[in-house]
Amino acid sequence: MKALMSALWLVSSLTIGTAFAQPAPPNEAGVTMGHWHLNSRDVEANKKIFVALGGVAAKPGDFDIVKFPGVVVFLHLRPGVAPSSGGTDGTVINHVGFLVPDVQEAVARWKAAGVAVTPGSNERTDQAWVITQDGLRVEILEDKSQTIPIRHHHVHFYVPASVIPEMQAWYGKHFAATPGTRGAFQTANIPGAELAFTKTEAATVPTKGRILDHIGFDVKDLAAFAKKLEADGIKLDQPIVAQPSGSKLTFIHDPWGTSIELNERPNPL
């Protein structure tokens, strides 16, 4: 039975292979979830973890990447850039998350592949945690109706309670994120990702320089999108850069310390 389940999982993974290369369709503002950028001390060790979780590895350029439905994980440390100065705990983004159809089945498979997995909180069987050596916290949640082995689910911000409505509204205004809730959490939803907000009394620091250096959103027309942001008083952290591939990128940051890359990709990764 175990061999049969493994074979079925492999067939399912191969069947959805093309889905890994495509972002979710963009919303009315032309926005969809793009990537996480990990300022990784050990690219190969982290790549092994994400491939074991069910991602598809590739190297389209200078970056090693691992593709999942809904997000691409970039694993890179640029020459001259200091390795991560700490994990996600203590930053404005406390963790990120995936959904699987059966947490316990996934955990058993991942442990067999050598991935260290921590049980869910309060003995929950529909939750687990993967924490990399660099300190990236990855929450695993269960959706029994899901028909693919794994997909991106959320980016979870920890901020003071007083700013949660403001943060939810900021992502709604500038990225057309739809407000909502998940249990006790306020959320803002874009295609491919739920942005979730939890109150914390502890001080947090910006993401830049930590293991999750920044998150990335893909947009349809970067020049027009950036022009609208600037009209709303948001400064670009750098001018728009055109890549030889035809892609374009720039960076901004939200008022709470999240570094955000904006990409226009004529050819999705």
C-alpha atoms as a PDB file:
ATOM      1  CA  MET A   1       0.000   0.000   0.000  1.00  0.00           C
ATOM      2  CA  LYS A   2       2.833   2.407   0.869  1.00  0.00           C
ATOM      3  CA  ALA A   3       4.465   1.737  -2.514  1.00  0.00           C
ATOM      4  CA  LEU A   4       1.127   2.297  -4.257  1.00  0.00           C
ATOM      5  CA  MET A   5       0.588   5.608  -2.475  1.00  0.00           C
ATOM      6  CA  SER A   6       4.094   6.745  -3.387  1.00  0.00           C
ATOM      7  CA  ALA A   7       3.513   5.798  -7.017  1.00  0.00           C
ATOM      8  CA  LEU A   8       0.189   7.639  -7.115  1.00  0.00           C
ATOM      9  CA  TRP A   9       1.784  10.702  -5.547  1.00  0.00           C
ATOM     10  CA  LEU A  10       4.554  10.627  -8.186  1.00  0.00           C
ATOM     11  CA  VAL A  11       2.063  10.335 -11.032  1.00  0.00           C
ATOM     12  CA  SER A  12       0.041  13.194  -9.573  1.00  0.00           C
ATOM     13  CA  SER A  13       3.182  15.312  -9.272  1.00  0.00           C
ATOM     14  CA  LEU A  14       4.134  14.684 -12.884  1.00  0.00           C
ATOM     15  CA  THR A  15       0.601  15.398 -14.068  1.00  0.00           C
ATOM     16  CA  ILE A  16       0.632  18.880 -12.558  1.00  0.00           C
ATOM     17  CA  GLY A  17       4.184  19.642 -13.667  1.00  0.00           C
ATOM     18  CA  THR A  18       3.095  22.418 -16.002  1.00  0.00           C
ATOM     19  CA  ALA A  19       1.169  24.086 -13.176  1.00  0.00           C
ATOM     20  CA  PHE A  20       4.408  24.646 -11.271  1.00  0.00           C
ATOM     21  CA  ALA A  21       5.609  26.987 -14.004  1.00  0.00           C
ATOM     22  CA  GLN A  22       2.508  29.185 -14.029  1.00  0.00           C
ATOM     23  CA  PRO A  23       1.530  31.834 -11.471  1.00  0.00           C
ATOM     24  CA  ALA A  24      -2.102  32.191 -10.458  1.00  0.00           C
ATOM     25  CA  PRO A  25      -4.106  34.405 -12.847  1.00  0.00           C
ATOM     26  CA  PRO A  26      -3.705  38.066 -11.819  1.00  0.00           C
ATOM     27  CA  ASN A  27      -6.384  40.094 -10.076  1.00  0.00           C
ATOM     28  CA  GLU A  28      -8.042  43.295 -11.300  1.00  0.00           C
ATOM     29  CA  ALA A  29      -4.864  45.288 -10.555  1.00  0.00           C
ATOM     30  CA  GLY A  30      -2.737  42.831 -12.557  1.00  0.00           C
ATOM     31  CA  VAL A  31      -1.136  41.371  -9.417  1.00  0.00           C
ATOM     32  CA  THR A  32      -0.372  37.757  -8.523  1.00  0.00           C
ATOM     33  CA  MET A  33       1.938  36.080  -6.027  1.00  0.00           C
ATOM     34  CA  GLY A  34       5.440  35.671  -7.393  1.00  0.00           C
ATOM     35  CA  HIS A  35       8.194  34.439  -5.106  1.00  0.00           C
ATOM     36  CA  TRP A  36       9.999  34.229  -1.800  1.00  0.00           C
ATOM     37  CA  HIS A  37      13.669  35.210  -1.938  1.00  0.00           C
ATOM     38  CA  LEU A  38      15.817  33.324   0.552  1.00  0.00           C
ATOM     39  CA  ASN A  39      19.181  34.823   1.475  1.00  0.00           C
ATOM     40  CA  SER A  40      20.403  31.280   1.875  1.00  0.00           C
ATOM     41  CA  ARG A  41      23.612  30.186   3.586  1.00  0.00           C
ATOM     42  CA  ASP A  42      23.435  26.712   2.024  1.00  0.00           C
ATOM     43  CA  VAL A  43      21.613  26.668  -1.309  1.00  0.00           C
ATOM     44  CA  GLU A  44      21.946  22.919  -1.842  1.00  0.00           C
ATOM     45  CA  ALA A  45      20.678  21.991   1.628  1.00  0.00           C
ATOM     46  CA  ASN A  46      17.649  24.242   1.272  1.00  0.00           C
ATOM     47  CA  LYS A  47      16.961  23.079  -2.273  1.00  0.00           C
ATOM     48  CA  LYS A  48      16.941  19.487  -1.018  1.00  0.00           C
ATOM     49  CA  ILE A  49      14.297  20.387   1.577  1.00  0.00           C
ATOM     50  CA  PHE A  50      11.999  22.153  -0.877  1.00  0.00           C
ATOM     51  CA  VAL A  51      12.308  19.419  -3.495  1.00  0.00           C
ATOM     52  CA  ALA A  52      11.461  16.840  -0.820  1.00  0.00           C
ATOM     53  CA  LEU A  53       8.375  18.896   0.056  1.00  0.00           C
ATOM     54  CA  GLY A  54       7.235  18.495  -3.541  1.00  0.00           C
ATOM     55  CA  GLY A  55       8.758  21.418  -5.437  1.00  0.00           C
ATOM     56  CA  VAL A  56      10.431  21.262  -8.837  1.00  0.00           C
ATOM     57  CA  ALA A  57      14.037  22.522  -8.976  1.00  0.00           C
ATOM     58  CA  ALA A  58      15.379  24.591 -11.860  1.00  0.00           C
ATOM     59  CA  LYS A  59      18.173  27.048 -12.609  1.00  0.00           C
ATOM     60  CA  PRO A  60      17.041  29.469 -15.324  1.00  0.00           C
ATOM     61  CA  GLY A  61      19.889  31.906 -14.627  1.00  0.00           C
ATOM     62  CA  ASP A  62      22.040  32.895 -11.643  1.00  0.00           C
ATOM     63  CA  PHE A  63      19.408  31.675  -9.198  1.00  0.00           C
ATOM     64  CA  ASP A  64      18.585  28.190  -8.066  1.00  0.00           C
ATOM     65  CA  ILE A  65      14.814  28.099  -7.780  1.00  0.00           C
ATOM     66  CA  VAL A  66      12.222  25.602  -6.611  1.00  0.00           C
ATOM     67  CA  LYS A  67       8.749  25.953  -8.125  1.00  0.00           C
ATOM     68  CA  PHE A  68       5.451  25.249  -6.381  1.00  0.00           C
ATOM     69  CA  PRO A  69       1.902  25.988  -7.469  1.00  0.00           C
ATOM     70  CA  GLY A  70       1.428  29.603  -6.436  1.00  0.00           C
ATOM     71  CA  VAL A  71       5.021  30.535  -5.597  1.00  0.00           C
ATOM     72  CA  VAL A  72       8.635  30.215  -6.728  1.00  0.00           C
ATOM     73  CA  VAL A  73      11.297  29.896  -4.017  1.00  0.00           C
ATOM     74  CA  PHE A  74      14.538  31.682  -4.948  1.00  0.00           C
ATOM     75  CA  LEU A  75      17.677  30.292  -3.283  1.00  0.00           C
ATOM     76  CA  HIS A  76      20.550  32.664  -3.722  1.00  0.00           C
ATOM     77  CA  LEU A  77      23.350  34.520  -2.018  1.00  0.00           C
ATOM     78  CA  ARG A  78      24.852  37.219  -4.211  1.00  0.00           C
ATOM     79  CA  PRO A  79      28.637  37.731  -4.164  1.00  0.00           C
ATOM     80  CA  GLY A  80      29.490  40.349  -1.582  1.00  0.00           C
ATOM     81  CA  VAL A  81      26.180  39.968   0.248  1.00  0.00           C
ATOM     82  CA  ALA A  82      26.403  38.796   3.852  1.00  0.00           C
ATOM     83  CA  PRO A  83      24.595  35.545   4.630  1.00  0.00           C
ATOM     84  CA  SER A  84      21.316  35.709   6.486  1.00  0.00           C
ATOM     85  CA  SER A  85      21.604  37.471   9.835  1.00  0.00           C
ATOM     86  CA  GLY A  86      18.701  35.520  11.289  1.00  0.00           C
ATOM     87  CA  GLY A  87      15.530  33.555  10.697  1.00  0.00           C
ATOM     88  CA  THR A  88      11.995  34.738  10.124  1.00  0.00           C
ATOM     89  CA  ASP A  89      11.098  34.686  13.819  1.00  0.00           C
ATOM     90  CA  GLY A  90      11.408  38.262  15.048  1.00  0.00           C
ATOM     91  CA  THR A  91      10.820  39.834  11.635  1.00  0.00           C
ATOM     92  CA  VAL A  92       7.592  41.350  10.363  1.00  0.00           C
ATOM     93  CA  ILE A  93       7.033  38.103   8.404  1.00  0.00           C
ATOM     94  CA  ASN A  94       7.045  35.383  11.043  1.00  0.00           C
ATOM     95  CA  HIS A  95       6.476  32.489   8.633  1.00  0.00           C
ATOM     96  CA  VAL A  96       5.135  31.320   5.302  1.00  0.00           C
ATOM     97  CA  GLY A  97       2.816  28.410   4.602  1.00  0.00           C
ATOM     98  CA  PHE A  98       1.775  25.586   2.277  1.00  0.00           C
ATOM     99  CA  LEU A  99      -1.377  23.495   1.996  1.00  0.00           C
ATOM    100  CA  VAL A 100      -1.385  19.705   1.539  1.00  0.00           C
ATOM    101  CA  PRO A 101      -4.342  17.281   1.321  1.00  0.00           C
ATOM    102  CA  ASP A 102      -3.182  15.149   4.266  1.00  0.00           C
ATOM    103  CA  VAL A 103      -0.659  16.528   6.747  1.00  0.00           C
ATOM    104  CA  GLN A 104       0.174  13.224   8.418  1.00  0.00           C
ATOM    105  CA  GLU A 105       0.747  11.416   5.107  1.00  0.00           C
ATOM    106  CA  ALA A 106       2.940  14.286   3.894  1.00  0.00           C
ATOM    107  CA  VAL A 107       4.912  14.365   7.164  1.00  0.00           C
ATOM    108  CA  ALA A 108       5.617  10.624   6.964  1.00  0.00           C
ATOM    109  CA  ARG A 109       6.848  10.994   3.378  1.00  0.00           C
ATOM    110  CA  TRP A 110       9.017  14.002   4.188  1.00  0.00           C
ATOM    111  CA  LYS A 111      10.572  12.371   7.237  1.00  0.00           C
ATOM    112  CA  ALA A 112      11.443   9.341   5.091  1.00  0.00           C
ATOM    113  CA  ALA A 113      13.243  11.774   2.762  1.00  0.00           C
ATOM    114  CA  GLY A 114      15.251  13.197   5.676  1.00  0.00           C
ATOM    115  CA  VAL A 115      13.313  16.411   6.299  1.00  0.00           C
ATOM    116  CA  ALA A 116      13.006  17.458   9.951  1.00  0.00           C
ATOM    117  CA  VAL A 117       9.347  18.168  10.727  1.00  0.00           C
ATOM    118  CA  THR A 118       7.932  19.602  13.963  1.00  0.00           C
ATOM    119  CA  PRO A 119       4.412  18.589  15.094  1.00  0.00           C
ATOM    120  CA  GLY A 120       1.537  21.055  15.066  1.00  0.00           C
ATOM    121  CA  SER A 121       0.656  23.240  18.041  1.00  0.00           C
ATOM    122  CA  ASN A 122      -1.487  21.741  20.829  1.00  0.00           C
ATOM    123  CA  GLU A 123      -1.249  18.261  19.270  1.00  0.00           C
ATOM    124  CA  ARG A 124      -2.993  19.374  16.087  1.00  0.00           C
ATOM    125  CA  THR A 125      -2.806  16.678  13.414  1.00  0.00           C
ATOM    126  CA  ASP A 126      -3.802  19.051  10.600  1.00  0.00           C
ATOM    127  CA  GLN A 127      -0.735  21.254  11.112  1.00  0.00           C
ATOM    128  CA  ALA A 128       3.043  20.758  11.058  1.00  0.00           C
ATOM    129  CA  TRP A 129       6.151  22.923  10.824  1.00  0.00           C
ATOM    130  CA  VAL A 130       9.323  22.734   8.767  1.00  0.00           C
ATOM    131  CA  ILE A 131      12.098  25.010  10.057  1.00  0.00           C
ATOM    132  CA  THR A 132      15.244  25.223   7.960  1.00  0.00           C
ATOM    133  CA  GLN A 133      18.763  25.532   9.374  1.00  0.00           C
ATOM    134  CA  ASP A 134      18.636  29.198   8.307  1.00  0.00           C
ATOM    135  CA  GLY A 135      15.566  29.714  10.483  1.00  0.00           C
ATOM    136  CA  LEU A 136      12.880  29.956   7.801  1.00  0.00           C
ATOM    137  CA  ARG A 137       9.602  28.913   9.441  1.00  0.00           C
ATOM    138  CA  VAL A 138       7.229  27.072   7.090  1.00  0.00           C
ATOM    139  CA  GLU A 139       3.756  26.158   8.314  1.00  0.00           C
ATOM    140  CA  ILE A 140       2.009  23.166   6.773  1.00  0.00           C
ATOM    141  CA  LEU A 141      -1.786  23.154   6.888  1.00  0.00           C
ATOM    142  CA  GLU A 142      -4.362  20.654   5.635  1.00  0.00           C
ATOM    143  CA  ASP A 143      -7.050  21.018   2.989  1.00  0.00           C
ATOM    144  CA  LYS A 144      -8.632  17.633   2.364  1.00  0.00           C
ATOM    145  CA  SER A 145     -10.391  18.923  -0.754  1.00  0.00           C
ATOM    146  CA  GLN A 146      -7.092  19.808  -2.408  1.00  0.00           C
ATOM    147  CA  THR A 147      -6.336  17.686  -5.475  1.00  0.00           C
ATOM    148  CA  ILE A 148      -2.607  18.414  -5.823  1.00  0.00           C
ATOM    149  CA  PRO A 149       0.148  17.308  -3.406  1.00  0.00           C
ATOM    150  CA  ILE A 150       1.172  20.808  -2.261  1.00  0.00           C
ATOM    151  CA  ARG A 151       0.512  24.446  -3.045  1.00  0.00           C
ATOM    152  CA  HIS A 152       1.422  27.831  -1.673  1.00  0.00           C
ATOM    153  CA  HIS A 153      -1.022  29.201   0.874  1.00  0.00           C
ATOM    154  CA  HIS A 154       0.076  32.171   2.965  1.00  0.00           C
ATOM    155  CA  VAL A 155       2.565  34.779   4.118  1.00  0.00           C
ATOM    156  CA  HIS A 156       1.999  35.480   7.818  1.00  0.00           C
ATOM    157  CA  PHE A 157       2.814  38.890   9.272  1.00  0.00           C
ATOM    158  CA  TYR A 158       3.233  39.557  13.013  1.00  0.00           C
ATOM    159  CA  VAL A 159       2.505  43.197  13.841  1.00  0.00           C
ATOM    160  CA  PRO A 160       0.958  45.264  16.663  1.00  0.00           C
ATOM    161  CA  ALA A 161      -2.809  44.815  16.865  1.00  0.00           C
ATOM    162  CA  SER A 162      -3.367  48.522  16.279  1.00  0.00           C
ATOM    163  CA  VAL A 163      -1.871  48.428  12.771  1.00  0.00           C
ATOM    164  CA  ILE A 164      -3.584  45.292  11.453  1.00  0.00           C
ATOM    165  CA  PRO A 165      -6.573  47.173   9.931  1.00  0.00           C
ATOM    166  CA  GLU A 166      -4.178  49.700   8.383  1.00  0.00           C
ATOM    167  CA  MET A 167      -1.962  46.942   6.962  1.00  0.00           C
ATOM    168  CA  GLN A 168      -4.920  45.034   5.560  1.00  0.00           C
ATOM    169  CA  ALA A 169      -6.166  48.258   3.921  1.00  0.00           C
ATOM    170  CA  TRP A 170      -2.697  49.136   2.560  1.00  0.00           C
ATOM    171  CA  TYR A 171      -2.407  45.842   0.668  1.00  0.00           C
ATOM    172  CA  GLY A 172      -6.002  46.238  -0.460  1.00  0.00           C
ATOM    173  CA  LYS A 173      -5.408  49.725  -1.844  1.00  0.00           C
ATOM    174  CA  HIS A 174      -2.094  49.116  -3.597  1.00  0.00           C
ATOM    175  CA  PHE A 175      -2.377  45.456  -4.652  1.00  0.00           C
ATOM    176  CA  ALA A 176      -6.167  44.985  -4.825  1.00  0.00           C
ATOM    177  CA  ALA A 177      -5.927  42.369  -2.066  1.00  0.00           C
ATOM    178  CA  THR A 178      -9.382  41.242  -0.963  1.00  0.00           C
ATOM    179  CA  PRO A 179     -10.015  41.606   2.794  1.00  0.00           C
ATOM    180  CA  GLY A 180     -11.151  38.531   4.697  1.00  0.00           C
ATOM    181  CA  THR A 181     -10.584  36.365   7.749  1.00  0.00           C
ATOM    182  CA  ARG A 182      -9.241  32.900   8.561  1.00  0.00           C
ATOM    183  CA  GLY A 183     -10.293  31.900  12.037  1.00  0.00           C
ATOM    184  CA  ALA A 184      -9.035  34.650  14.337  1.00  0.00           C
ATOM    185  CA  PHE A 185      -6.764  36.148  11.666  1.00  0.00           C
ATOM    186  CA  GLN A 186      -7.506  39.153   9.486  1.00  0.00           C
ATOM    187  CA  THR A 187      -6.360  38.501   5.917  1.00  0.00           C
ATOM    188  CA  ALA A 188      -5.795  40.198   2.576  1.00  0.00           C
ATOM    189  CA  ASN A 189      -5.934  37.854  -0.396  1.00  0.00           C
ATOM    190  CA  ILE A 190      -4.244  38.058  -3.766  1.00  0.00           C
ATOM    191  CA  PRO A 191      -4.116  35.300  -6.379  1.00  0.00           C
ATOM    192  CA  GLY A 192      -1.741  32.609  -5.124  1.00  0.00           C
ATOM    193  CA  ALA A 193      -1.424  33.897  -1.565  1.00  0.00           C
ATOM    194  CA  GLU A 194      -3.271  34.781   1.578  1.00  0.00           C
ATOM    195  CA  LEU A 195      -1.608  37.604   3.507  1.00  0.00           C
ATOM    196  CA  ALA A 196      -2.455  36.886   7.152  1.00  0.00           C
ATOM    197  CA  PHE A 197      -1.971  39.219  10.118  1.00  0.00           C
ATOM    198  CA  THR A 198      -1.436  38.258  13.759  1.00  0.00           C
ATOM    199  CA  LYS A 199      -1.024  40.654  16.662  1.00  0.00           C
ATOM    200  CA  THR A 200       2.221  40.611  18.604  1.00  0.00           C
ATOM    201  CA  GLU A 201       3.497  42.600  21.551  1.00  0.00           C
ATOM    202  CA  ALA A 202       7.122  41.930  20.628  1.00  0.00           C
ATOM    203  CA  ALA A 203       9.086  44.360  18.504  1.00  0.00           C
ATOM    204  CA  THR A 204       9.827  43.128  14.992  1.00  0.00           C
ATOM    205  CA  VAL A 205      12.530  44.038  12.483  1.00  0.00           C
ATOM    206  CA  PRO A 206      12.428  44.462   8.688  1.00  0.00           C
ATOM    207  CA  THR A 207      12.849  41.430   6.426  1.00  0.00           C
ATOM    208  CA  LYS A 208      15.812  42.734   4.433  1.00  0.00           C
ATOM    209  CA  GLY A 209      19.000  40.858   5.303  1.00  0.00           C
ATOM    210  CA  ARG A 210      17.199  37.998   7.025  1.00  0.00           C
ATOM    211  CA  ILE A 211      16.649  34.516   5.604  1.00  0.00           C
ATOM    212  CA  LEU A 212      13.400  35.629   3.940  1.00  0.00           C
ATOM    213  CA  ASP A 213      14.908  38.779   2.493  1.00  0.00           C
ATOM    214  CA  HIS A 214      11.828  39.778   0.516  1.00  0.00           C
ATOM    215  CA  ILE A 215       8.648  38.565  -1.095  1.00  0.00           C
ATOM    216  CA  GLY A 216       7.815  39.182  -4.728  1.00  0.00           C
ATOM    217  CA  PHE A 217       4.625  40.018  -6.586  1.00  0.00           C
ATOM    218  CA  ASP A 218       4.289  39.683 -10.343  1.00  0.00           C
ATOM    219  CA  VAL A 219       2.435  42.488 -12.141  1.00  0.00           C
ATOM    220  CA  LYS A 220       1.231  42.840 -15.714  1.00  0.00           C
ATOM    221  CA  ASP A 221       2.620  46.301 -16.537  1.00  0.00           C
ATOM    222  CA  LEU A 222       5.375  47.349 -14.151  1.00  0.00           C
ATOM    223  CA  ALA A 223       5.825  50.874 -15.499  1.00  0.00           C
ATOM    224  CA  ALA A 224       2.124  51.687 -15.116  1.00  0.00           C
ATOM    225  CA  PHE A 225       1.946  49.950 -11.745  1.00  0.00           C
ATOM    226  CA  ALA A 226       4.979  51.835 -10.418  1.00  0.00           C
ATOM    227  CA  LYS A 227       3.574  55.134 -11.687  1.00  0.00           C
ATOM    228  CA  LYS A 228       0.386  54.527  -9.716  1.00  0.00           C
ATOM    229  CA  LEU A 229       2.354  53.636  -6.572  1.00  0.00           C
ATOM    230  CA  GLU A 230       4.403  56.823  -6.869  1.00  0.00           C
ATOM    231  CA  ALA A 231       1.213  58.859  -7.340  1.00  0.00           C
ATOM    232  CA  ASP A 232       0.016  57.338  -4.057  1.00  0.00           C
ATOM    233  CA  GLY A 233       3.213  58.493  -2.320  1.00  0.00           C
ATOM    234  CA  ILE A 234       5.139  55.202  -2.373  1.00  0.00           C
ATOM    235  CA  LYS A 235       8.756  55.637  -3.421  1.00  0.00           C
ATOM    236  CA  LEU A 236      10.578  52.974  -5.425  1.00  0.00           C
ATOM    237  CA  ASP A 237      13.651  51.657  -3.624  1.00  0.00           C
ATOM    238  CA  GLN A 238      15.433  51.567  -6.982  1.00  0.00           C
ATOM    239  CA  PRO A 239      14.641  52.516 -10.575  1.00  0.00           C
ATOM    240  CA  ILE A 240      12.990  49.907 -12.768  1.00  0.00           C
ATOM    241  CA  VAL A 241      15.616  47.577 -14.209  1.00  0.00           C
ATOM    242  CA  ALA A 242      15.120  45.784 -17.537  1.00  0.00           C
ATOM    243  CA  GLN A 243      16.638  42.300 -17.804  1.00  0.00           C
ATOM    244  CA  PRO A 244      18.060  40.693 -20.998  1.00  0.00           C
ATOM    245  CA  SER A 245      15.180  38.197 -20.789  1.00  0.00           C
ATOM    246  CA  GLY A 246      12.671  41.014 -21.203  1.00  0.00           C
ATOM    247  CA  SER A 247      11.641  40.926 -17.544  1.00  0.00           C
ATOM    248  CA  LYS A 248      11.562  44.119 -15.497  1.00  0.00           C
ATOM    249  CA  LEU A 249      11.887  44.618 -11.753  1.00  0.00           C
ATOM    250  CA  THR A 250      11.979  47.120  -8.954  1.00  0.00           C
ATOM    251  CA  PHE A 251      11.609  47.114  -5.158  1.00  0.00           C
ATOM    252  CA  ILE A 252       9.442  48.890  -2.644  1.00  0.00           C
ATOM    253  CA  HIS A 253       8.837  48.290   1.056  1.00  0.00           C
ATOM    254  CA  ASP A 254       5.671  48.497   3.077  1.00  0.00           C
ATOM    255  CA  PRO A 255       5.467  50.837   6.102  1.00  0.00           C
ATOM    256  CA  TRP A 256       6.106  47.916   8.492  1.00  0.00           C
ATOM    257  CA  GLY A 257       9.410  46.694   7.069  1.00  0.00           C
ATOM    258  CA  THR A 258       8.510  44.136   4.410  1.00  0.00           C
ATOM    259  CA  SER A 259      10.787  44.311   1.387  1.00  0.00           C
ATOM    260  CA  ILE A 260       8.753  43.659  -1.781  1.00  0.00           C
ATOM    261  CA  GLU A 261      10.084  42.947  -5.264  1.00  0.00           C
ATOM    262  CA  LEU A 262       7.808  43.800  -8.190  1.00  0.00           C
ATOM    263  CA  ASN A 263       8.314  41.857 -11.406  1.00  0.00           C
ATOM    264  CA  GLU A 264       6.938  42.041 -14.913  1.00  0.00           C
ATOM    265  CA  ARG A 265       7.626  38.668 -16.521  1.00  0.00           C
ATOM    266  CA  PRO A 266       6.755  38.193 -20.212  1.00  0.00           C
ATOM    267  CA  ASN A 267       7.801  34.567 -19.742  1.00  0.00           C
ATOM    268  CA  PRO A 268       6.781  33.230 -16.314  1.00  0.00           C
ATOM    269  CA  LEU A 269       9.388  31.143 -14.553  1.00  0.00           C
END
